[in-house]
C-alpha atoms as a PDB file:
ATOM      1  CA  GLN A   1      85.667  18.361  53.809  1.00  0.00           C
ATOM      2  CA  VAL A   2      83.541  19.675  50.971  1.00  0.00           C
ATOM      3  CA  GLN A   3      79.874  20.558  51.287  1.00  0.00           C
ATOM      4  CA  LEU A   4      77.761  20.673  48.164  1.00  0.00           C
ATOM      5  CA  VAL A   5      74.182  21.899  48.360  1.00  0.00           C
ATOM      6  CA  GLU A   6      71.834  21.665  45.407  1.00  0.00           C
ATOM      7  CA  SER A   7      68.754  23.809  45.044  1.00  0.00           C
ATOM      8  CA  GLY A   8      66.300  24.902  42.412  1.00  0.00           C
ATOM      9  CA  GLY A   9      64.641  21.608  41.619  1.00  0.00           C
ATOM     10  CA  GLY A  10      60.907  21.358  41.329  1.00  0.00           C
ATOM     11  CA  SER A  11      58.023  20.348  39.123  1.00  0.00           C
ATOM     12  CA  VAL A  12      57.520  21.594  35.606  1.00  0.00           C
ATOM     13  CA  GLN A  13      55.475  20.607  32.618  1.00  0.00           C
ATOM     14  CA  ALA A  14      57.034  19.057  29.556  1.00  0.00           C
ATOM     15  CA  GLY A  15      58.733  21.687  27.449  1.00  0.00           C
ATOM     16  CA  GLY A  16      59.473  23.816  30.467  1.00  0.00           C
ATOM     17  CA  SER A  17      62.763  24.960  31.923  1.00  0.00           C
ATOM     18  CA  LEU A  18      64.552  24.758  35.235  1.00  0.00           C
ATOM     19  CA  ARG A  19      67.858  25.933  36.585  1.00  0.00           C
ATOM     20  CA  VAL A  20      69.421  24.012  39.416  1.00  0.00           C
ATOM     21  CA  THR A  21      72.239  25.374  41.495  1.00  0.00           C
ATOM     22  CA  CYS A  22      75.092  23.785  43.407  1.00  0.00           C
ATOM     23  CA  ALA A  23      76.754  25.813  46.137  1.00  0.00           C
ATOM     24  CA  ALA A  24      80.112  24.534  47.321  1.00  0.00           C
ATOM     25  CA  SER A  25      81.866  25.229  50.586  1.00  0.00           C
ATOM     26  CA  GLY A  26      84.338  23.713  52.988  1.00  0.00           C
ATOM     27  CA  ARG A  27      88.024  23.929  53.638  1.00  0.00           C
ATOM     28  CA  ALA A  28      88.814  21.153  51.203  1.00  0.00           C
ATOM     29  CA  PHE A  29      86.931  22.688  48.325  1.00  0.00           C
ATOM     30  CA  SER A  30      89.119  23.966  45.564  1.00  0.00           C
ATOM     31  CA  LYS A  31      87.714  26.489  43.151  1.00  0.00           C
ATOM     32  CA  TYR A  32      90.067  24.956  40.596  1.00  0.00           C
ATOM     33  CA  ALA A  33      88.346  21.580  40.800  1.00  0.00           C
ATOM     34  CA  THR A  34      86.127  20.322  38.030  1.00  0.00           C
ATOM     35  CA  MET A  35      82.501  20.132  39.066  1.00  0.00           C
ATOM     36  CA  GLY A  36      79.898  17.844  37.625  1.00  0.00           C
ATOM     37  CA  TRP A  37      76.205  17.061  37.454  1.00  0.00           C
ATOM     38  CA  PHE A  38      74.732  13.590  37.671  1.00  0.00           C
ATOM     39  CA  ARG A  39      71.168  12.381  37.815  1.00  0.00           C
ATOM     40  CA  GLN A  40      69.362   9.286  38.979  1.00  0.00           C
ATOM     41  CA  ALA A  41      65.917   8.384  37.739  1.00  0.00           C
ATOM     42  CA  PRO A  42      63.657   6.023  39.687  1.00  0.00           C
ATOM     43  CA  GLY A  43      64.834   2.455  39.308  1.00  0.00           C
ATOM     44  CA  LYS A  44      67.908   3.438  37.322  1.00  0.00           C
ATOM     45  CA  GLU A  45      71.566   3.915  38.042  1.00  0.00           C
ATOM     46  CA  ARG A  46      73.072   7.317  38.553  1.00  0.00           C
ATOM     47  CA  GLU A  47      74.311   8.741  35.259  1.00  0.00           C
ATOM     48  CA  PHE A  48      76.688  11.482  34.265  1.00  0.00           C
ATOM     49  CA  VAL A  49      75.068  14.603  32.832  1.00  0.00           C
ATOM     50  CA  GLY A  50      77.969  16.959  32.332  1.00  0.00           C
ATOM     51  CA  SER A  51      80.868  18.746  33.928  1.00  0.00           C
ATOM     52  CA  ILE A  52      82.701  22.035  33.902  1.00  0.00           C
ATOM     53  CA  THR A  53      86.313  22.915  34.577  1.00  0.00           C
ATOM     54  CA  TRP A  54      87.468  25.922  36.533  1.00  0.00           C
ATOM     55  CA  SER A  55      88.115  27.791  33.296  1.00  0.00           C
ATOM     56  CA  GLY A  56      84.641  27.034  31.958  1.00  0.00           C
ATOM     57  CA  GLY A  57      85.311  24.108  29.674  1.00  0.00           C
ATOM     58  CA  THR A  58      82.266  21.861  29.511  1.00  0.00           C
ATOM     59  CA  THR A  59      81.642  18.230  28.724  1.00  0.00           C
ATOM     60  CA  TYR A  60      78.189  16.741  28.237  1.00  0.00           C
ATOM     61  CA  ALA A  61      77.134  13.121  28.223  1.00  0.00           C
ATOM     62  CA  ASP A  62      76.157  11.734  24.851  1.00  0.00           C
ATOM     63  CA  SER A  63      72.991  10.404  26.432  1.00  0.00           C
ATOM     64  CA  VAL A  64      71.683  13.897  27.136  1.00  0.00           C
ATOM     65  CA  LYS A  65      72.914  15.695  24.045  1.00  0.00           C
ATOM     66  CA  GLY A  66      69.962  16.483  21.853  1.00  0.00           C
ATOM     67  CA  ARG A  67      67.434  15.142  24.352  1.00  0.00           C
ATOM     68  CA  PHE A  68      67.044  18.418  26.041  1.00  0.00           C
ATOM     69  CA  THR A  69      68.911  21.636  25.938  1.00  0.00           C
ATOM     70  CA  ILE A  70      71.341  21.946  28.801  1.00  0.00           C
ATOM     71  CA  SER A  71      74.012  24.376  29.742  1.00  0.00           C
ATOM     72  CA  ILE A  72      76.430  24.139  32.626  1.00  0.00           C
ATOM     73  CA  SER A  73      78.086  27.238  33.989  1.00  0.00           C
ATOM     74  CA  ARG A  74      79.838  28.296  37.148  1.00  0.00           C
ATOM     75  CA  ASP A  75      80.613  31.379  39.160  1.00  0.00           C
ATOM     76  CA  ASN A  76      84.025  30.865  40.709  1.00  0.00           C
ATOM     77  CA  ALA A  77      83.707  33.926  42.918  1.00  0.00           C
ATOM     78  CA  ARG A  78      80.642  32.358  44.533  1.00  0.00           C
ATOM     79  CA  ASN A  79      81.812  28.718  44.358  1.00  0.00           C
ATOM     80  CA  THR A  80      78.578  27.961  42.561  1.00  0.00           C
ATOM     81  CA  MET A  81      77.710  25.823  39.575  1.00  0.00           C
ATOM     82  CA  TYR A  82      74.519  25.941  37.548  1.00  0.00           C
ATOM     83  CA  LEU A  83      72.634  23.539  35.333  1.00  0.00           C
ATOM     84  CA  GLN A  84      70.171  25.186  32.985  1.00  0.00           C
ATOM     85  CA  MET A  85      67.728  22.745  31.448  1.00  0.00           C
ATOM     86  CA  ASN A  86      65.281  23.658  28.691  1.00  0.00           C
ATOM     87  CA  SER A  87      62.734  21.685  26.703  1.00  0.00           C
ATOM     88  CA  LEU A  88      62.414  19.180  29.498  1.00  0.00           C
ATOM     89  CA  LYS A  89      60.691  15.837  28.972  1.00  0.00           C
ATOM     90  CA  PRO A  90      59.057  13.461  31.476  1.00  0.00           C
ATOM     91  CA  GLU A  91      62.002  11.095  31.099  1.00  0.00           C
ATOM     92  CA  ASP A  92      64.224  13.804  32.560  1.00  0.00           C
ATOM     93  CA  THR A  93      62.528  13.277  35.902  1.00  0.00           C
ATOM     94  CA  ALA A  94      65.283  12.402  38.340  1.00  0.00           C
ATOM     95  CA  VAL A  95      67.221  13.488  41.362  1.00  0.00           C
ATOM     96  CA  TYR A  96      70.018  15.732  40.183  1.00  0.00           C
ATOM     97  CA  TYR A  97      73.302  15.588  42.081  1.00  0.00           C
ATOM     98  CA  CYS A  98      76.307  17.843  42.185  1.00  0.00           C
ATOM     99  CA  MET A  99      79.781  16.340  42.528  1.00  0.00           C
ATOM    100  CA  SER A 100      83.247  17.733  43.060  1.00  0.00           C
ATOM    101  CA  SER A 101      86.467  16.104  44.226  1.00  0.00           C
ATOM    102  CA  ASN A 102      84.575  12.881  44.977  1.00  0.00           C
ATOM    103  CA  PHE A 103      82.150  14.668  47.273  1.00  0.00           C
ATOM    104  CA  TRP A 104      78.413  14.607  46.562  1.00  0.00           C
ATOM    105  CA  GLY A 105      75.504  16.829  47.376  1.00  0.00           C
ATOM    106  CA  GLN A 106      72.214  15.505  48.702  1.00  0.00           C
ATOM    107  CA  GLY A 107      70.456  15.989  45.389  1.00  0.00           C
ATOM    108  CA  THR A 108      67.479  17.983  44.235  1.00  0.00           C
ATOM    109  CA  GLN A 109      64.345  16.468  42.723  1.00  0.00           C
ATOM    110  CA  VAL A 110      63.291  17.474  39.227  1.00  0.00           C
ATOM    111  CA  THR A 111      59.889  16.240  38.116  1.00  0.00           C
ATOM    112  CA  VAL A 112      58.623  16.787  34.598  1.00  0.00           C
ATOM    113  CA  SER A 113      54.965  16.088  33.929  1.00  0.00           C
ATOM    114  CA  SER A 114      53.392  15.426  30.571  1.00  0.00           C
END
């Protein structure tokens, strides 16, 4: 089993920044597994945001490139992944989910007000 716990969501004004964190645990969790971020806005399907390999290689969805500045990083010693988001817009309001090895966290709400 893998447990993924997101934290760090909240409410910010447009143009602001947030960093959300995903802490992984569980006997089935492999620190070598790729980890990813997804988000789901109200009334929309869950969409891929980006991912990071164990060695730090990142992939970002075309849909988020250029819309706001994001950076995904991870601390393998702490089994933790981060999503730094800058220049946020109201349309970035969503529940942000962490995923690894087909396991999902419960999500953390990010709300951006205009």
